[in-house]
C-alpha atoms as a PDB file:
ATOM      1  CA  MET A   1       0.000   0.000   0.000  1.00  0.00           C
ATOM      2  CA  ALA A   2       1.413   3.346  -0.967  1.00  0.00           C
ATOM      3  CA  LEU A   3       1.801   6.055   1.708  1.00  0.00           C
ATOM      4  CA  HIS A   4       0.540   9.502   0.922  1.00  0.00           C
ATOM      5  CA  TRP A   5       2.818  12.228   2.330  1.00  0.00           C
ATOM      6  CA  ARG A   6       1.235  14.978   0.483  1.00  0.00           C
ATOM      7  CA  PRO A   7      -1.708  16.480   2.331  1.00  0.00           C
ATOM      8  CA  VAL A   8      -5.141  15.700   0.946  1.00  0.00           C
ATOM      9  CA  GLY A   9      -8.116  17.831   1.723  1.00  0.00           C
ATOM     10  CA  PRO A  10     -10.092  20.830   0.766  1.00  0.00           C
ATOM     11  CA  GLU A  11      -7.723  23.302   2.543  1.00  0.00           C
ATOM     12  CA  PRO A  12      -4.491  24.650   1.077  1.00  0.00           C
ATOM     13  CA  GLU A  13      -1.374  22.419   1.294  1.00  0.00           C
ATOM     14  CA  GLN A  14       0.574  24.893   3.532  1.00  0.00           C
ATOM     15  CA  THR A  15      -2.069  24.588   6.222  1.00  0.00           C
ATOM     16  CA  TYR A  16      -1.574  20.851   6.496  1.00  0.00           C
ATOM     17  CA  TRP A  17       2.265  21.208   6.681  1.00  0.00           C
ATOM     18  CA  ARG A  18       1.985  23.761   9.453  1.00  0.00           C
ATOM     19  CA  ARG A  19      -0.233  21.420  11.479  1.00  0.00           C
ATOM     20  CA  ARG A  20       2.227  18.552  11.011  1.00  0.00           C
ATOM     21  CA  ALA A  21       5.170  20.756  12.111  1.00  0.00           C
ATOM     22  CA  ALA A  22       3.306  21.918  15.192  1.00  0.00           C
ATOM     23  CA  LEU A  23       2.409  18.315  16.057  1.00  0.00           C
ATOM     24  CA  ALA A  24       6.035  17.216  15.650  1.00  0.00           C
ATOM     25  CA  ILE A  25       7.314  20.016  17.905  1.00  0.00           C
ATOM     26  CA  ALA A  26       4.724  19.157  20.577  1.00  0.00           C
ATOM     27  CA  LEU A  27       5.766  15.483  20.372  1.00  0.00           C
ATOM     28  CA  VAL A  28       9.458  16.384  20.810  1.00  0.00           C
ATOM     29  CA  LEU A  29       8.691  18.573  23.860  1.00  0.00           C
ATOM     30  CA  LEU A  30       6.577  15.817  25.405  1.00  0.00           C
ATOM     31  CA  ILE A  31       9.367  13.267  24.960  1.00  0.00           C
ATOM     32  CA  ALA A  32      11.932  15.680  26.459  1.00  0.00           C
ATOM     33  CA  LEU A  33       9.704  16.290  29.497  1.00  0.00           C
ATOM     34  CA  LEU A  34       9.244  12.575  30.100  1.00  0.00           C
ATOM     35  CA  VAL A  35      13.010  11.968  29.864  1.00  0.00           C
ATOM     36  CA  THR A  36      13.699  14.775  32.338  1.00  0.00           C
ATOM     37  CA  GLN A  37      11.210  13.405  34.845  1.00  0.00           C
ATOM     38  CA  LEU A  38      12.571   9.882  34.569  1.00  0.00           C
ATOM     39  CA  THR A  39      16.213  10.894  34.965  1.00  0.00           C
ATOM     40  CA  GLY A  40      15.533  13.279  37.873  1.00  0.00           C
ATOM     41  CA  ARG A  41      13.377  10.875  39.930  1.00  0.00           C
ATOM     42  CA  ASP A  42      16.339   9.216  41.667  1.00  0.00           C
ATOM     43  CA  GLU A  43      18.091  12.483  42.559  1.00  0.00           C
ATOM     44  CA  PRO A  44      16.336  13.125  45.869  1.00  0.00           C
ATOM     45  CA  ASP A  45      17.121   9.600  47.148  1.00  0.00           C
ATOM     46  CA  ARG A  46      20.741   9.987  46.161  1.00  0.00           C
ATOM     47  CA  LEU A  47      21.008  13.328  47.917  1.00  0.00           C
ATOM     48  CA  GLY A  48      19.206  12.008  50.920  1.00  0.00           C
ATOM     49  CA  THR A  49      21.797   9.299  51.511  1.00  0.00           C
ATOM     50  CA  GLU A  50      24.652  11.754  51.601  1.00  0.00           C
ATOM     51  CA  GLN A  51      25.553  12.885  55.126  1.00  0.00           C
ATOM     52  CA  PRO A  52      27.626  15.996  55.784  1.00  0.00           C
ATOM     53  CA  ALA A  53      31.038  15.263  57.159  1.00  0.00           C
ATOM     54  CA  PRO A  54      31.316  16.180  60.878  1.00  0.00           C
ATOM     55  CA  SER A  55      33.238  19.352  61.412  1.00  0.00           C
ATOM     56  CA  ALA A  56      35.764  19.919  64.143  1.00  0.00           C
ATOM     57  CA  ALA A  57      33.515  22.563  65.714  1.00  0.00           C
ATOM     58  CA  SER A  58      30.625  20.062  66.251  1.00  0.00           C
ATOM     59  CA  GLY A  59      32.739  17.540  68.128  1.00  0.00           C
ATOM     60  CA  SER A  60      32.550  16.896  71.858  1.00  0.00           C
ATOM     61  CA  PRO A  61      33.944  19.764  73.924  1.00  0.00           C
ATOM     62  CA  THR A  62      37.241  19.038  75.515  1.00  0.00           C
ATOM     63  CA  THR A  63      38.134  19.985  79.076  1.00  0.00           C
ATOM     64  CA  PRO A  64      41.267  22.062  79.334  1.00  0.00           C
ATOM     65  CA  THR A  65      43.896  20.626  81.597  1.00  0.00           C
ATOM     66  CA  PRO A  66      46.275  22.751  83.603  1.00  0.00           C
ATOM     67  CA  SER A  67      49.679  23.030  82.137  1.00  0.00           C
ATOM     68  CA  ALA A  68      52.540  21.188  83.710  1.00  0.00           C
ATOM     69  CA  SER A  69      54.245  24.425  84.669  1.00  0.00           C
ATOM     70  CA  VAL A  70      51.206  25.681  86.608  1.00  0.00           C
ATOM     71  CA  THR A  71      50.758  22.344  88.399  1.00  0.00           C
ATOM     72  CA  ALA A  72      54.419  22.174  89.248  1.00  0.00           C
ATOM     73  CA  SER A  73      54.510  25.706  90.604  1.00  0.00           C
ATOM     74  CA  ALA A  74      51.392  25.106  92.713  1.00  0.00           C
ATOM     75  CA  SER A  75      52.733  21.906  94.238  1.00  0.00           C
ATOM     76  CA  ALA A  76      56.108  23.460  94.842  1.00  0.00           C
ATOM     77  CA  SER A  77      54.735  26.337  96.963  1.00  0.00           C
ATOM     78  CA  PRO A  78      56.402  26.005 100.348  1.00  0.00           C
ATOM     79  CA  ARG A  79      54.249  25.686 103.444  1.00  0.00           C
ATOM     80  CA  PRO A  80      55.064  27.894 106.401  1.00  0.00           C
ATOM     81  CA  PRO A  81      56.870  25.913 109.083  1.00  0.00           C
ATOM     82  CA  ALA A  82      54.924  25.106 112.247  1.00  0.00           C
ATOM     83  CA  ALA A  83      55.797  27.227 115.269  1.00  0.00           C
ATOM     84  CA  ALA A  84      58.065  25.538 117.814  1.00  0.00           C
ATOM     85  CA  ALA A  85      56.942  24.859 121.388  1.00  0.00           C
ATOM     86  CA  CYS A  86      57.307  27.821 123.730  1.00  0.00           C
ATOM     87  CA  PRO A  87      60.176  27.403 126.205  1.00  0.00           C
ATOM     88  CA  ALA A  88      59.211  27.949 129.839  1.00  0.00           C
ATOM     89  CA  ALA A  89      61.740  30.766 130.106  1.00  0.00           C
ATOM     90  CA  GLY A  90      60.043  32.554 127.206  1.00  0.00           C
ATOM     91  CA  LEU A  91      56.620  32.803 128.873  1.00  0.00           C
ATOM     92  CA  GLN A  92      55.351  35.498 131.202  1.00  0.00           C
ATOM     93  CA  ILE A  93      52.408  34.209 133.284  1.00  0.00           C
ATOM     94  CA  GLU A  94      50.118  36.404 135.387  1.00  0.00           C
ATOM     95  CA  ALA A  95      47.155  35.360 137.584  1.00  0.00           C
ATOM     96  CA  THR A  96      44.705  38.147 138.489  1.00  0.00           C
ATOM     97  CA  SER A  97      41.071  38.853 139.446  1.00  0.00           C
ATOM     98  CA  ASP A  98      38.699  41.459 138.027  1.00  0.00           C
ATOM     99  CA  SER A  99      38.296  43.163 141.438  1.00  0.00           C
ATOM    100  CA  GLY A 100      40.088  43.419 144.772  1.00  0.00           C
ATOM    101  CA  SER A 101      36.970  42.916 146.884  1.00  0.00           C
ATOM    102  CA  TYR A 102      33.713  40.974 146.692  1.00  0.00           C
ATOM    103  CA  PRO A 103      30.801  40.405 149.018  1.00  0.00           C
ATOM    104  CA  VAL A 104      30.498  36.936 150.484  1.00  0.00           C
ATOM    105  CA  GLY A 105      28.690  34.871 147.887  1.00  0.00           C
ATOM    106  CA  GLY A 106      30.171  36.927 145.052  1.00  0.00           C
ATOM    107  CA  ARG A 107      31.606  35.324 141.922  1.00  0.00           C
ATOM    108  CA  PRO A 108      35.133  36.564 141.164  1.00  0.00           C
ATOM    109  CA  GLN A 109      36.307  36.419 137.570  1.00  0.00           C
ATOM    110  CA  LEU A 110      39.838  35.058 137.497  1.00  0.00           C
ATOM    111  CA  GLU A 111      42.262  35.471 134.613  1.00  0.00           C
ATOM    112  CA  LEU A 112      45.433  33.674 133.611  1.00  0.00           C
ATOM    113  CA  ARG A 113      47.385  35.793 131.107  1.00  0.00           C
ATOM    114  CA  VAL A 114      50.216  34.215 129.089  1.00  0.00           C
ATOM    115  CA  THR A 115      52.639  36.349 127.058  1.00  0.00           C
ATOM    116  CA  ASN A 116      55.315  35.206 124.630  1.00  0.00           C
ATOM    117  CA  THR A 117      58.441  37.182 125.555  1.00  0.00           C
ATOM    118  CA  GLY A 118      60.518  35.670 122.755  1.00  0.00           C
ATOM    119  CA  SER A 119      61.214  37.065 119.285  1.00  0.00           C
ATOM    120  CA  ALA A 120      59.434  34.358 117.260  1.00  0.00           C
ATOM    121  CA  PRO A 121      55.986  32.740 117.347  1.00  0.00           C
ATOM    122  CA  CYS A 122      55.719  29.653 119.524  1.00  0.00           C
ATOM    123  CA  THR A 123      53.031  27.169 120.501  1.00  0.00           C
ATOM    124  CA  VAL A 124      51.733  26.361 123.977  1.00  0.00           C
ATOM    125  CA  ASP A 125      48.824  24.267 125.228  1.00  0.00           C
ATOM    126  CA  LEU A 126      46.213  26.502 126.872  1.00  0.00           C
ATOM    127  CA  GLY A 127      43.534  23.821 127.288  1.00  0.00           C
ATOM    128  CA  SER A 128      42.016  22.784 130.604  1.00  0.00           C
ATOM    129  CA  ALA A 129      44.513  19.912 130.866  1.00  0.00           C
ATOM    130  CA  ALA A 130      47.484  22.321 130.943  1.00  0.00           C
ATOM    131  CA  VAL A 131      46.052  25.513 132.476  1.00  0.00           C
ATOM    132  CA  GLU A 132      45.020  25.768 136.132  1.00  0.00           C
ATOM    133  CA  LEU A 133      43.824  28.569 138.409  1.00  0.00           C
ATOM    134  CA  LEU A 134      43.836  28.057 142.175  1.00  0.00           C
ATOM    135  CA  VAL A 135      42.577  30.019 145.192  1.00  0.00           C
ATOM    136  CA  PHE A 136      44.272  29.805 148.594  1.00  0.00           C
ATOM    137  CA  SER A 137      43.524  31.236 152.013  1.00  0.00           C
ATOM    138  CA  GLY A 138      46.911  31.174 153.707  1.00  0.00           C
ATOM    139  CA  PRO A 139      48.190  27.601 153.223  1.00  0.00           C
ATOM    140  CA  ASP A 140      44.644  26.284 152.792  1.00  0.00           C
ATOM    141  CA  ARG A 141      43.790  25.246 149.250  1.00  0.00           C
ATOM    142  CA  ILE A 142      40.246  26.494 148.736  1.00  0.00           C
ATOM    143  CA  TRP A 143      39.527  25.877 145.043  1.00  0.00           C
ATOM    144  CA  SER A 144      41.109  24.672 141.751  1.00  0.00           C
ATOM    145  CA  SER A 145      39.813  24.914 138.201  1.00  0.00           C
ATOM    146  CA  ASP A 146      40.995  21.332 137.662  1.00  0.00           C
ATOM    147  CA  ASP A 147      38.707  19.860 140.341  1.00  0.00           C
ATOM    148  CA  CYS A 148      35.431  19.864 138.371  1.00  0.00           C
ATOM    149  CA  SER A 149      36.518  20.243 134.739  1.00  0.00           C
ATOM    150  CA  GLY A 150      37.555  17.809 132.040  1.00  0.00           C
ATOM    151  CA  ALA A 151      41.024  17.533 130.559  1.00  0.00           C
ATOM    152  CA  ALA A 152      41.105  19.033 127.065  1.00  0.00           C
ATOM    153  CA  ALA A 153      44.042  20.213 124.956  1.00  0.00           C
ATOM    154  CA  LYS A 154      44.092  23.564 123.162  1.00  0.00           C
ATOM    155  CA  PRO A 155      47.341  24.179 121.240  1.00  0.00           C
ATOM    156  CA  THR A 156      47.695  27.949 120.800  1.00  0.00           C
ATOM    157  CA  THR A 157      50.247  29.910 118.788  1.00  0.00           C
ATOM    158  CA  LEU A 158      51.542  32.948 120.652  1.00  0.00           C
ATOM    159  CA  GLN A 159      52.895  35.867 118.682  1.00  0.00           C
ATOM    160  CA  PRO A 160      55.887  37.722 120.153  1.00  0.00           C
ATOM    161  CA  GLY A 161      54.790  40.241 122.795  1.00  0.00           C
ATOM    162  CA  LYS A 162      51.100  39.278 122.549  1.00  0.00           C
ATOM    163  CA  ALA A 163      49.215  38.220 125.682  1.00  0.00           C
ATOM    164  CA  VAL A 164      46.536  35.509 125.498  1.00  0.00           C
ATOM    165  CA  PRO A 165      44.080  35.468 128.442  1.00  0.00           C
ATOM    166  CA  THR A 166      42.150  32.516 129.869  1.00  0.00           C
ATOM    167  CA  ARG A 167      39.202  33.635 132.005  1.00  0.00           C
ATOM    168  CA  LEU A 168      37.236  31.561 134.528  1.00  0.00           C
ATOM    169  CA  THR A 169      34.491  32.473 136.980  1.00  0.00           C
ATOM    170  CA  TRP A 170      34.779  31.096 140.509  1.00  0.00           C
ATOM    171  CA  ALA A 171      31.470  30.486 142.262  1.00  0.00           C
ATOM    172  CA  GLY A 172      33.029  31.406 145.643  1.00  0.00           C
ATOM    173  CA  ARG A 173      32.801  27.868 147.033  1.00  0.00           C
ATOM    174  CA  ARG A 174      35.313  25.251 148.064  1.00  0.00           C
ATOM    175  CA  SER A 175      36.168  22.302 145.794  1.00  0.00           C
ATOM    176  CA  LEU A 176      38.079  19.040 146.061  1.00  0.00           C
ATOM    177  CA  PRO A 177      39.898  16.959 143.427  1.00  0.00           C
ATOM    178  CA  GLY A 178      37.435  14.931 141.384  1.00  0.00           C
ATOM    179  CA  CYS A 179      34.678  17.431 142.283  1.00  0.00           C
ATOM    180  CA  GLU A 180      33.865  15.398 145.414  1.00  0.00           C
ATOM    181  CA  GLY A 181      32.849  16.462 148.918  1.00  0.00           C
ATOM    182  CA  PRO A 182      30.826  19.440 150.141  1.00  0.00           C
ATOM    183  CA  LYS A 183      31.162  22.763 148.375  1.00  0.00           C
ATOM    184  CA  ALA A 184      30.952  25.164 151.286  1.00  0.00           C
ATOM    185  CA  GLN A 185      30.739  28.908 150.784  1.00  0.00           C
ATOM    186  CA  ALA A 186      34.042  30.719 151.207  1.00  0.00           C
ATOM    187  CA  LEU A 187      34.111  32.837 154.385  1.00  0.00           C
ATOM    188  CA  PRO A 188      35.071  36.491 154.693  1.00  0.00           C
ATOM    189  CA  GLY A 189      38.798  36.972 154.473  1.00  0.00           C
ATOM    190  CA  THR A 190      41.730  37.484 152.149  1.00  0.00           C
ATOM    191  CA  TYR A 191      42.456  35.082 149.320  1.00  0.00           C
ATOM    192  CA  ARG A 192      45.327  34.783 146.889  1.00  0.00           C
ATOM    193  CA  ILE A 193      45.432  33.441 143.375  1.00  0.00           C
ATOM    194  CA  SER A 194      47.931  30.978 141.904  1.00  0.00           C
ATOM    195  CA  GLY A 195      48.321  29.975 138.279  1.00  0.00           C
ATOM    196  CA  ARG A 196      49.855  27.131 136.289  1.00  0.00           C
ATOM    197  CA  VAL A 197      50.677  26.582 132.608  1.00  0.00           C
ATOM    198  CA  GLY A 198      52.085  23.125 132.022  1.00  0.00           C
ATOM    199  CA  ASP A 199      54.718  22.628 134.716  1.00  0.00           C
ATOM    200  CA  VAL A 200      55.229  26.346 135.367  1.00  0.00           C
ATOM    201  CA  ARG A 201      53.500  27.768 138.475  1.00  0.00           C
ATOM    202  CA  VAL A 202      53.260  31.408 139.485  1.00  0.00           C
ATOM    203  CA  GLU A 203      51.851  33.369 142.417  1.00  0.00           C
ATOM    204  CA  GLY A 204      49.296  35.963 141.434  1.00  0.00           C
ATOM    205  CA  GLY A 205      47.253  38.741 142.952  1.00  0.00           C
ATOM    206  CA  SER A 206      44.884  38.696 145.967  1.00  0.00           C
ATOM    207  CA  PHE A 207      41.344  39.751 146.762  1.00  0.00           C
ATOM    208  CA  SER A 208      38.997  39.625 149.754  1.00  0.00           C
ATOM    209  CA  PHE A 209      35.504  38.537 150.656  1.00  0.00           C
ATOM    210  CA  THR A 210      33.709  40.940 152.923  1.00  0.00           C
ATOM    211  CA  GLY A 211      30.622  40.179 154.901  1.00  0.00           C
END
């Protein structure tokens, strides 16, 4: 069967050729669009599988460590040496009361003052185990701070020329070692104070009870 390429119809020949050209162009555009869609369909999946490489800025933060020079200098800082024990000859000890006279039944405040007479700091125990205040009437021992108190240590550093006081209040009654026996009221009369720091004993001031 023979193919007829020449247009047949009542209209002019140029009209049929224009229609064929327009149809051919539309067919080419349609084919190009289909090809583009088919080739671009896999692109999103391909891009989706790609992961950005981790940057150095998004890594775990690191904790800075001190440099060896700083650590070495800190550990090499010398500690001040501990003060030596105070020699007995380097201590001035005073035992006093806050008044020279009290009514019978009064409560004298007694003070033991310790001063470092040396030129360097020194350490002495000023706890109840090492410090004692006593009250005498003539040769009669009336009261001692050791009788009814516990034995506790209190190491104290004394600076040169600085006095450190220890104050106690006496109830004005007799006492015996171990806090035993009757605690009779002290009678009117004159009383003297004695003090002790460690093995060093001193005689102090005096006061009186008046009735």
